[in-house]
N, C-alpha and C. Protein backbone atom coordinates (compact mmCIF):
# COMPACT_ATOMS: atom_id res chain seq x y z
N MET A 1 80.74 121.32 126.89
CA MET A 1 81.78 121.18 128.87
C MET A 1 82.04 119.76 128.65
N THR A 2 83.53 119.25 128.86
CA THR A 2 83.82 118.31 129.16
C THR A 2 85.03 118.23 129.67
N THR A 3 85.45 117.80 130.89
CA THR A 3 86.85 117.16 132.03
C THR A 3 86.71 115.61 131.19
N ASP A 4 87.68 115.05 131.85
CA ASP A 4 87.91 113.75 131.57
C ASP A 4 87.70 113.23 132.80
N ASN A 5 87.67 113.84 133.65
CA ASN A 5 87.25 112.94 135.21
C ASN A 5 86.42 113.75 136.22
N PRO A 6 85.34 114.06 135.90
CA PRO A 6 84.69 115.23 136.54
C PRO A 6 83.93 114.42 137.77
N GLN A 7 84.17 115.67 138.64
CA GLN A 7 83.68 115.23 139.63
C GLN A 7 82.26 115.59 140.58
N GLN A 8 81.58 116.62 139.14
CA GLN A 8 80.14 117.14 139.72
C GLN A 8 79.92 116.87 137.68
N ILE A 9 78.13 116.59 137.86
CA ILE A 9 77.94 116.08 136.25
C ILE A 9 76.18 117.00 136.74
N VAL A 10 75.55 117.50 135.39
CA VAL A 10 74.48 118.78 135.57
C VAL A 10 73.98 117.72 134.29
N PHE A 11 72.50 117.40 134.55
CA PHE A 11 71.93 116.76 133.39
C PHE A 11 70.66 117.64 132.80
N ILE A 12 70.59 119.25 132.09
CA ILE A 12 69.75 119.68 131.47
C ILE A 12 68.58 118.65 130.86
N ASP A 13 67.61 119.31 131.39
CA ASP A 13 66.28 119.30 130.13
C ASP A 13 66.19 120.25 129.11
N SER A 14 66.69 119.52 128.20
CA SER A 14 66.63 120.42 126.38
C SER A 14 65.44 121.88 126.84
N ARG A 15 64.14 121.76 127.09
CA ARG A 15 63.36 122.02 127.02
C ARG A 15 63.10 123.38 128.71
N VAL A 16 64.49 123.50 128.94
CA VAL A 16 64.51 124.39 129.94
C VAL A 16 64.56 126.41 129.37
N PRO A 17 64.06 127.34 130.37
CA PRO A 17 64.13 128.76 128.78
C PRO A 17 65.72 129.23 129.41
N ASP A 18 66.17 129.33 128.74
CA ASP A 18 68.16 130.44 128.52
C ASP A 18 68.74 129.19 128.69
N ILE A 19 68.68 128.21 127.82
CA ILE A 19 69.97 126.75 128.41
C ILE A 19 70.73 127.71 127.87
N GLN A 20 70.72 127.90 126.45
CA GLN A 20 72.35 128.58 126.68
C GLN A 20 73.62 129.20 127.36
N ASP A 21 72.98 130.23 128.10
CA ASP A 21 72.69 130.71 129.66
C ASP A 21 73.25 129.50 130.69
N LEU A 22 72.77 128.81 130.79
CA LEU A 22 72.58 127.46 132.25
C LEU A 22 73.93 127.12 131.34
N ILE A 23 73.81 126.80 130.74
CA ILE A 23 75.22 126.04 129.46
C ILE A 23 77.14 126.64 130.32
N ALA A 24 76.38 127.85 129.79
CA ALA A 24 77.25 128.78 129.77
C ALA A 24 78.36 129.53 131.03
N GLY A 25 76.69 129.33 132.32
CA GLY A 25 76.74 129.30 133.48
C GLY A 25 77.85 128.10 134.46
N VAL A 26 77.66 127.19 134.06
CA VAL A 26 78.14 126.20 134.71
C VAL A 26 79.96 126.17 135.00
N GLN A 27 80.00 125.39 136.39
CA GLN A 27 81.66 125.72 136.40
C GLN A 27 82.51 124.99 136.24
N PRO A 28 83.58 126.05 135.48
CA PRO A 28 84.14 125.12 135.25
C PRO A 28 84.84 123.43 136.37
N GLY A 29 84.92 122.18 135.28
CA GLY A 29 85.47 121.15 135.53
C GLY A 29 83.88 120.44 135.97
N VAL A 30 82.44 121.02 135.79
CA VAL A 30 81.21 120.24 135.32
C VAL A 30 81.38 119.97 134.65
N GLN A 31 80.93 117.85 134.10
CA GLN A 31 80.77 117.56 132.75
C GLN A 31 78.76 118.13 132.44
N VAL A 32 78.54 118.48 131.50
CA VAL A 32 77.11 118.96 131.55
C VAL A 32 76.32 118.50 129.97
N PHE A 33 75.25 117.31 130.34
CA PHE A 33 75.18 116.17 129.06
C PHE A 33 73.08 117.33 129.33
N VAL A 34 72.52 117.04 128.06
CA VAL A 34 71.83 118.15 127.73
C VAL A 34 70.52 116.72 127.17
N LEU A 35 69.33 116.76 127.82
CA LEU A 35 68.46 115.42 127.82
C LEU A 35 67.82 115.56 126.62
N ASP A 36 67.46 114.85 125.56
CA ASP A 36 66.44 114.99 124.57
C ASP A 36 65.36 114.54 124.71
N PRO A 37 64.31 115.69 124.26
CA PRO A 37 62.56 115.68 124.66
C PRO A 37 62.14 115.00 124.28
N THR A 38 62.42 113.48 123.67
CA THR A 38 61.74 112.23 122.54
C THR A 38 62.05 112.25 123.24
N SER A 39 62.81 111.55 123.85
CA SER A 39 63.01 110.16 124.62
C SER A 39 63.30 110.51 126.01
N ASP A 40 63.20 108.79 127.08
CA ASP A 40 62.79 109.22 128.76
C ASP A 40 63.86 109.45 129.24
N GLY A 41 63.94 110.62 129.85
CA GLY A 41 65.30 111.56 130.59
C GLY A 41 65.66 110.42 131.66
N MET A 42 65.15 109.49 132.37
CA MET A 42 65.95 108.74 133.13
C MET A 42 66.66 107.88 132.43
N GLN A 43 66.12 107.28 131.35
CA GLN A 43 66.69 105.83 130.89
C GLN A 43 68.29 107.38 130.33
N GLN A 44 67.86 108.60 129.77
CA GLN A 44 68.95 108.94 129.15
C GLN A 44 70.25 109.06 130.21
N ILE A 45 69.53 109.25 131.48
CA ILE A 45 70.74 109.58 132.68
C ILE A 45 71.27 108.41 133.05
N ALA A 46 70.20 107.34 133.30
CA ALA A 46 70.82 106.23 133.26
C ALA A 46 72.42 105.08 132.44
N ASP A 47 71.34 106.11 131.12
CA ASP A 47 72.63 105.59 129.56
C ASP A 47 74.02 105.94 130.56
N VAL A 48 73.17 107.69 130.31
CA VAL A 48 74.43 108.18 130.53
C VAL A 48 76.03 107.53 131.90
N LEU A 49 75.75 108.02 132.96
CA LEU A 49 76.13 107.23 133.62
C LEU A 49 76.84 105.55 134.05
N ALA A 50 75.94 104.78 133.46
CA ALA A 50 76.37 103.47 132.59
C ALA A 50 77.97 103.91 131.64
N ALA A 51 77.39 104.87 131.03
CA ALA A 51 78.49 104.58 129.29
C ALA A 51 79.61 104.97 129.81
N ASN A 52 79.98 105.58 130.91
CA ASN A 52 81.20 107.12 131.11
C ASN A 52 81.47 106.32 132.63
N ASN A 53 82.63 106.50 132.44
CA ASN A 53 83.47 106.04 133.58
C ASN A 53 83.57 106.85 134.69
N PHE A 54 82.50 107.35 135.37
CA PHE A 54 82.30 108.06 135.97
C PHE A 54 82.68 107.73 137.84
N THR A 55 84.24 108.66 138.21
CA THR A 55 84.69 107.06 139.81
C THR A 55 84.41 108.89 141.04
N ASP A 56 83.55 108.59 141.44
CA ASP A 56 84.00 109.62 142.56
C ASP A 56 83.46 110.67 142.46
N LEU A 57 82.35 110.69 141.96
CA LEU A 57 81.28 111.92 141.58
C LEU A 57 81.15 112.43 143.04
N SER A 58 81.20 113.58 142.98
CA SER A 58 80.44 114.44 144.71
C SER A 58 79.22 115.03 144.52
N SER A 59 78.51 115.35 143.36
CA SER A 59 77.33 115.14 143.12
C SER A 59 76.51 115.01 141.82
N ILE A 60 75.06 115.04 141.70
CA ILE A 60 74.78 115.11 140.02
C ILE A 60 74.00 116.16 140.09
N SER A 61 73.46 116.60 139.29
CA SER A 61 72.82 117.75 139.51
C SER A 61 71.66 118.02 137.82
N ILE A 62 70.37 118.17 138.39
CA ILE A 62 69.93 117.85 137.48
C ILE A 62 68.47 119.66 137.59
N VAL A 63 68.40 119.92 136.08
CA VAL A 63 67.65 121.75 135.59
C VAL A 63 66.86 120.90 134.91
N SER A 64 65.27 121.13 135.18
CA SER A 64 64.14 120.69 135.10
C SER A 64 63.15 121.76 135.17
N HIS A 65 61.77 120.97 134.37
CA HIS A 65 60.79 122.52 134.91
C HIS A 65 59.67 121.38 135.18
N GLY A 66 58.32 121.23 135.30
CA GLY A 66 57.44 120.37 135.67
C GLY A 66 56.53 121.76 136.16
N ASP A 67 55.34 121.10 136.56
CA ASP A 67 54.14 121.49 138.13
C ASP A 67 53.94 120.74 139.30
N ALA A 68 52.88 122.36 139.38
CA ALA A 68 53.01 121.46 141.18
C ALA A 68 53.41 119.31 140.56
N GLY A 69 54.19 118.88 141.56
CA GLY A 69 54.31 117.93 141.86
C GLY A 69 54.71 116.87 141.01
N GLU A 70 55.49 117.34 139.72
CA GLU A 70 55.67 116.72 138.56
C GLU A 70 57.06 117.01 138.01
N VAL A 71 57.86 116.50 137.97
CA VAL A 71 59.22 117.38 136.71
C VAL A 71 59.64 116.23 135.99
N MET A 72 59.58 116.83 134.63
CA MET A 72 59.41 117.29 133.40
C MET A 72 61.32 116.54 132.39
N LEU A 73 61.67 114.96 132.52
CA LEU A 73 62.99 114.80 132.24
C LEU A 73 62.90 114.26 131.04
N GLY A 74 63.05 115.14 130.01
CA GLY A 74 63.18 114.41 128.68
C GLY A 74 61.76 114.00 128.19
N ALA A 75 61.11 112.96 127.57
CA ALA A 75 60.32 112.55 127.74
C ALA A 75 59.22 112.66 128.63
N THR A 76 59.93 112.17 129.92
CA THR A 76 59.58 111.26 131.29
C THR A 76 58.26 112.76 131.69
N THR A 77 58.14 112.75 132.47
CA THR A 77 57.25 112.87 133.57
C THR A 77 57.43 112.50 134.95
N LEU A 78 58.13 112.77 135.32
CA LEU A 78 58.43 112.10 136.97
C LEU A 78 57.13 112.14 137.91
N SER A 79 56.57 112.23 138.76
CA SER A 79 55.38 112.14 140.00
C SER A 79 55.50 111.43 140.53
N GLU A 80 54.87 111.78 141.82
CA GLU A 80 54.51 110.37 142.66
C GLU A 80 53.92 109.16 142.36
N SER A 81 53.07 109.50 141.32
CA SER A 81 52.37 108.17 140.75
C SER A 81 53.25 106.99 140.37
N ASN A 82 54.50 107.22 139.73
CA ASN A 82 55.31 106.22 139.08
C ASN A 82 57.00 106.65 139.66
N LEU A 83 57.02 107.34 140.43
CA LEU A 83 58.76 107.87 140.41
C LEU A 83 59.19 106.42 141.15
N ALA A 84 58.41 105.73 141.95
CA ALA A 84 58.78 104.83 142.34
C ALA A 84 59.17 103.17 141.72
N SER A 85 58.81 103.76 139.95
CA SER A 85 59.11 102.91 138.98
C SER A 85 60.28 102.88 138.54
N TYR A 86 61.26 104.58 138.64
CA TYR A 86 61.50 104.14 138.25
C TYR A 86 63.37 104.16 139.23
């Protein structure tokens, strides 16, 4: 789903269950990016934000999974121990 000038974007980790249902359920006008599981998810997000001319975004949402105290984004697992480095 794409729009020329989105106000909201969502990043979805490709390994979340029912990803196609999640993508289909995104509201019209919201741009979706699926994160590659073999690459650093935080870098992917940074690259998308840098490569696109997003202005006046009202929200950036992330749909992912993880364990207690961890969030998995692509090949990256964010936790308290490495969050500050991002």
